[in-house]
Amino acid sequence: MSKVLIMPCLDMKDGRVVKGVHFVNLRDAGDPVECARIYCQNGADELAFLDITATIEKRKTTLDAVRRVAQVATAPFTVGGGIASIADAGEVLEAGADRVSISSAAFRNPALIDQAAAKFGSSKLVVAIDVDRNPSLPSGYEVYIDGGNTPTGKDAIEWAKEAESRGAGFILPTSKACDGAKTGYDIPLIRGIKEVVKVPVIASGGAGTMEHFLEAAREGKADILLAASVFHFGEINIIELKKYLNGNGVATN
């Protein structure tokens, strides 16, 4: 049996958990501390906290919110958004995060991945990659930065390989086309990255049913299954999801 971890994601804006579709049309989804507490009580294996407007607004992650969530989180806790330097990463880890996630800053300055891995260890470093489809690239997928707003012309699979070679301990690809649409994860994207890296891959963007989680584990070979909307709005219960996956040959914690 393969084994996966379940990772609710708290997308943060103005101190609140929000969720949109294709990275826009954001809805309020609650208080981050209360969300984190409930998810941990209900069996979350991991938590993600992404300050989704920090990079666009050219500011750092809101450390106060990180500290408050860290106080109640009993699962490993990954924080991203606005982390543009080793100092920023250190502040986030000191505030209680178990890992940092870097995206736009890592793309603009790939040496940041090497430096962060050397300073904190690969096990504390996630490289997040926002991706949209582009048939003109070898893999058919292009890296986007700045909260998914800026195309780069870089092939997403090649960038994932480079990020791992520089020291990333986890790769977190999010499909813009699938994000919030609840039509399923982008399986070819996840599988394509899994085929070229050895580190854990976190599936993100598109979960709408329990079957979608199963597909990401079985067909995509994802190691960690991240979702937001279905958890925030009570459409899927983590305990029931794990029972479903276990019953279909995918082991969970």
Protein backbone atom coordinates (compact mmCIF):
# COMPACT_ATOMS: atom_id res chain seq x y z
CA MET A 1 0.00 0.00 0.00
CA SER A 2 1.15 3.54 -0.74
CA LYS A 3 0.93 6.01 2.13
CA VAL A 4 -0.13 9.65 2.03
CA LEU A 5 -0.51 12.57 4.42
CA ILE A 6 -3.46 14.99 4.50
CA MET A 7 -2.63 18.72 4.59
CA PRO A 8 -5.35 21.38 5.01
CA CYS A 9 -4.17 24.75 3.70
CA LEU A 10 -4.94 28.09 5.32
CA ASP A 11 -4.72 30.74 2.59
CA MET A 12 -4.39 34.00 4.51
CA LYS A 13 -5.41 37.58 3.65
CA ASP A 14 -5.88 40.44 6.12
CA GLY A 15 -5.65 38.03 9.07
CA ARG A 16 -8.43 35.74 7.84
CA VAL A 17 -8.52 32.39 6.07
CA VAL A 18 -9.81 32.87 2.51
CA LYS A 19 -10.36 30.69 -0.53
CA GLY A 20 -10.86 31.57 -4.17
CA VAL A 21 -11.16 29.97 -7.59
CA HIS A 22 -8.19 30.13 -10.01
CA PHE A 23 -6.46 32.40 -7.45
CA VAL A 24 -9.24 35.08 -7.54
CA ASN A 25 -12.78 35.72 -6.18
CA LEU A 26 -11.78 35.16 -2.55
CA ARG A 27 -14.32 34.07 0.09
CA ASP A 28 -13.88 34.35 3.85
CA ALA A 29 -13.36 30.94 5.44
CA GLY A 30 -12.80 31.77 9.10
CA ASP A 31 -10.27 32.47 11.82
CA PRO A 32 -6.88 30.80 11.24
CA VAL A 33 -6.38 29.72 14.85
CA GLU A 34 -9.79 28.10 15.08
CA CYS A 35 -9.34 26.42 11.69
CA ALA A 36 -5.93 25.06 12.69
CA ARG A 37 -7.25 23.76 16.01
CA ILE A 38 -10.17 21.96 14.40
CA TYR A 39 -8.07 20.43 11.64
CA CYS A 40 -5.51 19.09 14.09
CA GLN A 41 -8.27 17.64 16.28
CA ASN A 42 -9.79 15.99 13.20
CA GLY A 43 -6.63 14.19 12.13
CA ALA A 44 -4.68 16.54 9.85
CA ASP A 45 -1.15 15.21 9.33
CA GLU A 46 0.24 18.54 8.15
CA LEU A 47 -0.87 22.18 8.03
CA ALA A 48 -0.03 24.84 5.47
CA PHE A 49 -0.31 28.59 6.08
CA LEU A 50 0.12 30.73 2.97
CA ASP A 51 0.02 34.53 3.17
CA ILE A 52 -1.22 34.80 -0.40
CA THR A 53 -0.90 38.57 -0.87
CA ALA A 54 2.41 39.15 0.93
CA THR A 55 4.56 38.90 -2.21
CA ILE A 56 2.22 41.05 -4.31
CA GLU A 57 2.06 43.67 -1.54
CA LYS A 58 5.86 43.48 -1.14
CA ARG A 59 5.70 42.70 2.57
CA LYS A 60 6.67 39.89 4.91
CA THR A 61 4.45 37.12 6.21
CA THR A 62 2.31 38.22 9.16
CA LEU A 63 4.35 36.77 12.01
CA ASP A 64 1.73 37.39 14.69
CA ALA A 65 -0.71 35.11 12.91
CA VAL A 66 2.02 32.48 12.50
CA ARG A 67 2.71 32.58 16.24
CA ARG A 68 -0.96 32.22 17.12
CA VAL A 69 -1.46 29.26 14.80
CA ALA A 70 1.76 27.63 16.02
CA GLN A 71 0.42 27.68 19.57
CA VAL A 72 -2.48 25.37 18.65
CA ALA A 73 -0.97 23.34 15.80
CA THR A 74 -0.12 19.77 16.78
CA ALA A 75 0.80 18.79 13.21
CA PRO A 76 3.89 19.97 11.30
CA PHE A 77 3.21 23.49 10.10
CA THR A 78 4.49 24.97 6.81
CA VAL A 79 4.41 28.74 6.26
CA GLY A 80 4.79 30.58 2.96
CA GLY A 81 4.22 34.00 1.44
CA GLY A 82 6.57 36.98 1.49
CA ILE A 83 9.66 34.96 2.44
CA ALA A 84 12.35 36.60 0.35
CA SER A 85 15.56 36.10 2.35
CA ILE A 86 17.32 33.86 4.83
CA ALA A 87 16.43 36.37 7.54
CA ASP A 88 12.73 36.17 6.63
CA ALA A 89 12.86 32.37 6.77
CA GLY A 90 14.57 32.46 10.14
CA GLU A 91 11.90 34.76 11.57
CA VAL A 92 9.13 32.46 10.40
CA LEU A 93 10.80 29.39 11.90
CA GLU A 94 11.41 31.26 15.16
CA ALA A 95 7.71 32.21 15.21
CA GLY A 96 6.84 28.50 15.39
CA ALA A 97 6.72 27.17 11.83
CA ASP A 98 8.21 23.73 11.22
CA ARG A 99 8.99 24.53 7.58
CA VAL A 100 9.13 27.50 5.24
CA SER A 101 7.76 27.58 1.71
CA ILE A 102 9.42 29.84 -0.85
CA SER A 103 8.23 30.51 -4.37
CA SER A 104 8.69 33.80 -6.24
CA ALA A 105 11.86 34.76 -4.36
CA ALA A 106 13.36 31.34 -5.05
CA PHE A 107 12.60 31.65 -8.74
CA ARG A 108 14.11 35.13 -8.99
CA ASN A 109 17.14 34.11 -6.93
CA PRO A 110 17.66 30.33 -7.12
CA ALA A 111 20.72 30.59 -4.85
CA LEU A 112 18.23 31.31 -2.04
CA ILE A 113 17.29 27.62 -2.14
CA ASP A 114 20.93 26.58 -1.70
CA GLN A 115 21.40 29.07 1.13
CA ALA A 116 18.20 28.10 2.97
CA ALA A 117 18.98 24.38 2.68
CA ALA A 118 22.49 24.96 4.03
CA LYS A 119 21.25 27.16 6.88
CA PHE A 120 18.14 25.29 8.03
CA GLY A 121 18.32 21.88 6.33
CA SER A 122 16.33 20.56 3.38
CA SER A 123 13.74 19.04 5.72
CA LYS A 124 12.61 22.57 6.61
CA LEU A 125 12.41 23.84 3.04
CA VAL A 126 9.47 23.63 0.63
CA VAL A 127 9.70 25.12 -2.86
CA ALA A 128 6.22 26.04 -4.07
CA ILE A 129 5.58 26.33 -7.81
CA ASP A 130 2.47 27.98 -9.25
CA VAL A 131 1.83 26.43 -12.64
CA ASP A 132 -0.38 26.99 -15.67
CA ARG A 133 -0.62 25.04 -18.89
CA ASN A 134 1.50 26.15 -21.83
CA PRO A 135 1.68 23.69 -24.73
CA SER A 136 4.71 25.47 -26.21
CA LEU A 137 6.94 24.25 -23.36
CA PRO A 138 8.45 20.73 -23.27
CA SER A 139 6.28 19.52 -20.37
CA GLY A 140 3.26 21.63 -21.30
CA TYR A 141 3.48 23.49 -17.97
CA GLU A 142 4.84 26.96 -17.21
CA VAL A 143 6.02 28.46 -13.91
CA TYR A 144 4.12 31.54 -12.70
CA ILE A 145 5.26 33.85 -9.90
CA ASP A 146 3.86 36.80 -7.90
CA GLY A 147 0.87 34.88 -6.59
CA GLY A 148 0.27 33.23 -9.96
CA ASN A 149 0.08 36.55 -11.81
CA THR A 150 3.35 36.65 -13.77
CA PRO A 151 4.30 34.09 -16.44
CA THR A 152 8.01 33.28 -16.54
CA GLY A 153 8.51 31.22 -19.70
CA LYS A 154 10.19 28.53 -17.55
CA ASP A 155 9.18 24.89 -17.83
CA ALA A 156 7.67 23.78 -14.50
CA ILE A 157 9.09 20.25 -14.54
CA GLU A 158 12.60 21.56 -15.23
CA TRP A 159 12.26 24.09 -12.42
CA ALA A 160 11.15 21.36 -10.00
CA LYS A 161 14.26 19.34 -10.89
CA GLU A 162 16.49 22.36 -10.33
CA ALA A 163 14.83 23.22 -7.01
CA GLU A 164 15.45 19.69 -5.75
CA SER A 165 19.07 19.76 -6.94
CA ARG A 166 19.61 22.97 -4.99
CA GLY A 167 18.29 21.50 -1.75
CA ALA A 168 14.50 21.70 -1.64
CA GLY A 169 13.13 19.06 0.71
CA PHE A 170 9.59 19.20 -0.70
CA ILE A 171 8.05 20.36 -3.99
CA LEU A 172 4.58 21.96 -3.87
CA PRO A 173 3.09 22.50 -7.35
CA THR A 174 -0.27 24.28 -7.55
CA SER A 175 -2.21 24.20 -10.81
CA LYS A 176 -3.83 27.56 -11.61
CA ALA A 177 -6.23 25.85 -14.00
CA CYS A 178 -7.48 23.53 -11.26
CA ASP A 179 -7.21 25.76 -8.18
CA GLY A 180 -10.53 26.02 -6.35
CA ALA A 181 -12.43 24.51 -9.27
CA LYS A 182 -13.09 21.22 -7.43
CA THR A 183 -12.70 19.28 -10.67
CA GLY A 184 -9.70 17.27 -9.51
CA TYR A 185 -5.97 17.69 -9.13
CA ASP A 186 -3.83 18.13 -12.25
CA ILE A 187 -2.63 14.52 -12.31
CA PRO A 188 -0.21 14.81 -15.28
CA LEU A 189 1.53 17.76 -13.57
CA ILE A 190 1.93 15.91 -10.27
CA ARG A 191 3.04 12.69 -11.92
CA GLY A 192 5.45 14.58 -14.19
CA ILE A 193 7.19 16.13 -11.20
CA LYS A 194 7.18 12.84 -9.26
CA GLU A 195 9.00 11.20 -12.17
CA VAL A 196 11.94 13.62 -11.98
CA VAL A 197 12.39 14.24 -8.22
CA LYS A 198 12.99 12.00 -5.23
CA VAL A 199 11.74 14.38 -2.53
CA PRO A 200 8.07 14.35 -1.41
CA VAL A 201 5.62 16.07 -3.74
CA ILE A 202 2.61 17.91 -2.30
CA ALA A 203 -0.45 17.81 -4.59
CA SER A 204 -2.33 21.14 -4.59
CA GLY A 205 -5.21 22.68 -6.49
CA GLY A 206 -8.53 21.17 -7.47
CA ALA A 207 -9.73 18.70 -4.84
CA GLY A 208 -13.53 18.50 -4.83
CA THR A 209 -14.34 14.90 -3.90
CA MET A 210 -12.75 12.04 -2.03
CA GLU A 211 -12.15 10.37 -5.40
CA HIS A 212 -9.89 13.27 -6.36
CA PHE A 213 -7.65 12.60 -3.36
CA LEU A 214 -7.52 8.92 -4.32
CA GLU A 215 -6.54 9.80 -7.91
CA ALA A 216 -3.73 12.09 -6.72
CA ALA A 217 -2.34 9.32 -4.52
CA ARG A 218 -2.78 6.43 -6.93
CA GLU A 219 -2.24 8.00 -10.35
CA GLY A 220 -0.27 11.10 -9.44
CA LYS A 221 1.86 9.28 -6.85
CA ALA A 222 1.66 12.34 -4.57
CA ASP A 223 3.07 12.00 -1.07
CA ILE A 224 1.01 14.73 0.60
CA LEU A 225 -2.50 15.80 -0.41
CA LEU A 226 -3.22 19.50 0.18
CA ALA A 227 -6.70 20.98 -0.02
CA ALA A 228 -8.57 24.02 1.24
CA SER A 229 -12.17 24.65 0.14
CA VAL A 230 -13.51 21.16 0.81
CA PHE A 231 -12.18 21.30 4.38
CA HIS A 232 -12.96 24.96 5.12
CA PHE A 233 -16.61 24.71 4.10
CA GLY A 234 -17.28 21.30 5.67
CA GLU A 235 -17.67 19.36 2.42
CA ILE A 236 -15.14 16.67 3.36
CA ASN A 237 -14.22 15.48 6.85
CA ILE A 238 -10.56 14.47 7.28
CA ILE A 239 -11.38 11.40 9.38
CA GLU A 240 -13.89 10.17 6.81
CA LEU A 241 -11.45 10.92 3.99
CA LYS A 242 -8.78 8.79 5.63
CA LYS A 243 -11.25 5.93 6.07
CA TYR A 244 -12.13 6.18 2.39
CA LEU A 245 -8.49 6.19 1.28
CA ASN A 246 -7.61 3.27 3.57
CA GLY A 247 -10.54 1.32 2.18
CA ASN A 248 -9.23 1.89 -1.33
CA GLY A 249 -5.69 0.73 -0.74
CA VAL A 250 -4.03 4.02 0.19
CA ALA A 251 -2.63 4.05 3.71
CA THR A 252 -2.81 7.18 5.87
CA ASN A 253 -1.51 8.08 9.30
